[in-house]
Amino acid sequence: MGVSYTEKEYDHAVGKGITVLAFIHNDVTSLPTAKVDTDPDMSQRLALFKERVSQKRLVSFWSNRGQLKSNIIIISFQGHRRETRYRMGPREHCSSRRYFVAA
C-alpha cells in the first residue's frame, strides 16, 4: 500500500517549511467503527504516522468536537504568536505564513 493523502500533505508541508499544527484524537477505539480502519496493518501505519507527526511540533490531543474546536483556536493563537515573535522582520507580515493542520 502507498502513503495516505494526509501523510503526503504532511510531508509536503514539512518539505516547504510550513508550520504544522497537529490535532490527534486521544482514543481512536472510541470512534464509531464505520469511521475507523480496522485493518491491523493500517492501524500500525496510523500509529507510526501519529508518532512522527507528534515529534517537535505543536500537538494537541482531543476527545470530542467541542474540545477539538477549542484546541484549534488555542493552538492556532499560540502558533501565530510564536511565528510573530520569531519570524517577523521589519517588512514581513504574519498573514504570509501558512499552516498545515493534521487532524
C-alpha atoms as a PDB file:
ATOM      1  CA  MET A   1       0.000   0.000   0.000  1.00  0.00           C
ATOM      2  CA  GLY A   2       1.059   3.555  -0.650  1.00  0.00           C
ATOM      3  CA  VAL A   3       1.198   6.624   1.531  1.00  0.00           C
ATOM      4  CA  SER A   4      -2.081   8.261   2.618  1.00  0.00           C
ATOM      5  CA  TYR A   5      -3.067  11.677   1.288  1.00  0.00           C
ATOM      6  CA  THR A   6      -2.759  13.145   4.774  1.00  0.00           C
ATOM      7  CA  GLU A   7       0.785  11.829   5.087  1.00  0.00           C
ATOM      8  CA  LYS A   8       1.656  13.161   1.619  1.00  0.00           C
ATOM      9  CA  GLU A   9       0.259  16.573   2.566  1.00  0.00           C
ATOM     10  CA  TYR A  10       2.209  16.475   5.824  1.00  0.00           C
ATOM     11  CA  ASP A  11       5.460  15.595   4.043  1.00  0.00           C
ATOM     12  CA  HIS A  12       4.852  18.374   1.513  1.00  0.00           C
ATOM     13  CA  ALA A  13       4.197  20.932   4.273  1.00  0.00           C
ATOM     14  CA  VAL A  14       7.326  19.924   6.188  1.00  0.00           C
ATOM     15  CA  GLY A  15       9.375  19.991   2.990  1.00  0.00           C
ATOM     16  CA  LYS A  16       8.156  23.522   2.234  1.00  0.00           C
ATOM     17  CA  GLY A  17       8.837  24.738   5.780  1.00  0.00           C
ATOM     18  CA  ILE A  18       5.142  25.269   6.532  1.00  0.00           C
ATOM     19  CA  THR A  19       4.290  25.253  10.221  1.00  0.00           C
ATOM     20  CA  VAL A  20       2.426  22.065  11.151  1.00  0.00           C
ATOM     21  CA  LEU A  21      -0.238  22.083  13.853  1.00  0.00           C
ATOM     22  CA  ALA A  22      -1.257  18.534  14.804  1.00  0.00           C
ATOM     23  CA  PHE A  23      -4.593  17.645  16.397  1.00  0.00           C
ATOM     24  CA  ILE A  24      -4.643  13.977  17.332  1.00  0.00           C
ATOM     25  CA  HIS A  25      -7.609  12.023  18.691  1.00  0.00           C
ATOM     26  CA  ASN A  26      -6.984  10.659  22.192  1.00  0.00           C
ATOM     27  CA  ASP A  27      -8.647   7.286  21.672  1.00  0.00           C
ATOM     28  CA  VAL A  28      -9.404   6.097  18.150  1.00  0.00           C
ATOM     29  CA  THR A  29     -11.085   2.974  19.559  1.00  0.00           C
ATOM     30  CA  SER A  30     -13.874   5.181  20.959  1.00  0.00           C
ATOM     31  CA  LEU A  31     -14.849   6.345  17.437  1.00  0.00           C
ATOM     32  CA  PRO A  32     -17.666   4.628  15.513  1.00  0.00           C
ATOM     33  CA  THR A  33     -16.413   1.519  13.703  1.00  0.00           C
ATOM     34  CA  ALA A  34     -17.511   2.941  10.340  1.00  0.00           C
ATOM     35  CA  LYS A  35     -15.056   5.839  10.770  1.00  0.00           C
ATOM     36  CA  VAL A  36     -12.031   3.747  11.722  1.00  0.00           C
ATOM     37  CA  ASP A  37      -9.883   1.469   9.614  1.00  0.00           C
ATOM     38  CA  THR A  38      -9.857  -1.919  11.356  1.00  0.00           C
ATOM     39  CA  ASP A  39      -7.072  -3.452   9.264  1.00  0.00           C
ATOM     40  CA  PRO A  40      -4.134  -4.210  11.645  1.00  0.00           C
ATOM     41  CA  ASP A  41      -1.559  -3.063   9.080  1.00  0.00           C
ATOM     42  CA  MET A  42      -3.372   0.259   8.585  1.00  0.00           C
ATOM     43  CA  SER A  43      -3.700   0.737  12.350  1.00  0.00           C
ATOM     44  CA  GLN A  44       0.037   0.221  12.762  1.00  0.00           C
ATOM     45  CA  ARG A  45       0.801   2.669   9.934  1.00  0.00           C
ATOM     46  CA  LEU A  46      -1.507   5.245  11.519  1.00  0.00           C
ATOM     47  CA  ALA A  47       0.226   4.818  14.882  1.00  0.00           C
ATOM     48  CA  LEU A  48       3.643   5.331  13.251  1.00  0.00           C
ATOM     49  CA  PHE A  49       2.405   8.419  11.394  1.00  0.00           C
ATOM     50  CA  LYS A  50       0.906   9.895  14.582  1.00  0.00           C
ATOM     51  CA  GLU A  51       4.219   9.301  16.362  1.00  0.00           C
ATOM     52  CA  ARG A  52       6.141  11.028  13.566  1.00  0.00           C
ATOM     53  CA  VAL A  53       3.733  13.989  13.485  1.00  0.00           C
ATOM     54  CA  SER A  54       3.987  14.366  17.264  1.00  0.00           C
ATOM     55  CA  GLN A  55       7.740  14.952  17.275  1.00  0.00           C
ATOM     56  CA  LYS A  56       8.976  18.559  17.522  1.00  0.00           C
ATOM     57  CA  ARG A  57       5.564  20.069  16.702  1.00  0.00           C
ATOM     58  CA  LEU A  58       2.696  21.899  18.303  1.00  0.00           C
ATOM     59  CA  VAL A  59       0.439  18.955  19.162  1.00  0.00           C
ATOM     60  CA  SER A  60      -2.959  18.881  20.806  1.00  0.00           C
ATOM     61  CA  PHE A  61      -4.960  15.805  21.754  1.00  0.00           C
ATOM     62  CA  TRP A  62      -8.766  15.800  21.724  1.00  0.00           C
ATOM     63  CA  SER A  63     -11.699  13.527  22.576  1.00  0.00           C
ATOM     64  CA  ASN A  64     -14.788  15.307  21.203  1.00  0.00           C
ATOM     65  CA  ARG A  65     -15.713  18.003  18.679  1.00  0.00           C
ATOM     66  CA  GLY A  66     -16.019  20.772  21.252  1.00  0.00           C
ATOM     67  CA  GLN A  67     -12.570  20.016  22.603  1.00  0.00           C
ATOM     68  CA  LEU A  68     -11.150  19.883  19.063  1.00  0.00           C
ATOM     69  CA  LYS A  69     -12.649  23.297  18.224  1.00  0.00           C
ATOM     70  CA  SER A  70     -11.256  24.818  21.429  1.00  0.00           C
ATOM     71  CA  ASN A  71      -7.844  23.271  20.865  1.00  0.00           C
ATOM     72  CA  ILE A  72      -7.699  24.564  17.282  1.00  0.00           C
ATOM     73  CA  ILE A  73      -8.397  28.110  18.468  1.00  0.00           C
ATOM     74  CA  ILE A  74      -5.877  27.939  21.323  1.00  0.00           C
ATOM     75  CA  ILE A  75      -3.014  26.246  19.487  1.00  0.00           C
ATOM     76  CA  SER A  76      -3.521  28.402  16.378  1.00  0.00           C
ATOM     77  CA  PHE A  77      -3.211  31.506  18.517  1.00  0.00           C
ATOM     78  CA  GLN A  78      -0.105  30.130  20.224  1.00  0.00           C
ATOM     79  CA  GLY A  79       1.441  29.208  16.876  1.00  0.00           C
ATOM     80  CA  HIS A  80       0.588  32.641  15.465  1.00  0.00           C
ATOM     81  CA  ARG A  81       2.217  34.362  18.458  1.00  0.00           C
ATOM     82  CA  ARG A  82       5.308  32.151  18.156  1.00  0.00           C
ATOM     83  CA  GLU A  83       5.597  32.885  14.420  1.00  0.00           C
ATOM     84  CA  THR A  84       5.157  36.592  15.067  1.00  0.00           C
ATOM     85  CA  ARG A  85       7.850  36.602  17.720  1.00  0.00           C
ATOM     86  CA  TYR A  86      10.453  34.584  15.821  1.00  0.00           C
ATOM     87  CA  ARG A  87       9.789  35.250  12.157  1.00  0.00           C
ATOM     88  CA  MET A  88       8.564  38.807  11.881  1.00  0.00           C
ATOM     89  CA  GLY A  89      11.136  41.075  10.366  1.00  0.00           C
ATOM     90  CA  PRO A  90      10.659  44.745   9.606  1.00  0.00           C
ATOM     91  CA  ARG A  91       8.767  44.062   6.368  1.00  0.00           C
ATOM     92  CA  GLU A  92       7.219  40.659   6.991  1.00  0.00           C
ATOM     93  CA  HIS A  93       3.561  40.163   7.792  1.00  0.00           C
ATOM     94  CA  CYS A  94       2.038  37.277   9.741  1.00  0.00           C
ATOM     95  CA  SER A  95      -0.540  36.724   7.037  1.00  0.00           C
ATOM     96  CA  SER A  96       2.244  35.439   4.790  1.00  0.00           C
ATOM     97  CA  ARG A  97       2.717  32.332   6.999  1.00  0.00           C
ATOM     98  CA  ARG A  98       0.639  29.314   6.167  1.00  0.00           C
ATOM     99  CA  TYR A  99      -0.277  26.391   8.381  1.00  0.00           C
ATOM    100  CA  PHE A 100      -0.959  22.749   7.669  1.00  0.00           C
ATOM    101  CA  VAL A 101      -3.315  21.118  10.142  1.00  0.00           C
ATOM    102  CA  ALA A 102      -3.210  17.370  10.606  1.00  0.00           C
ATOM    103  CA  ALA A 103      -6.314  16.262  12.462  1.00  0.00           C
END
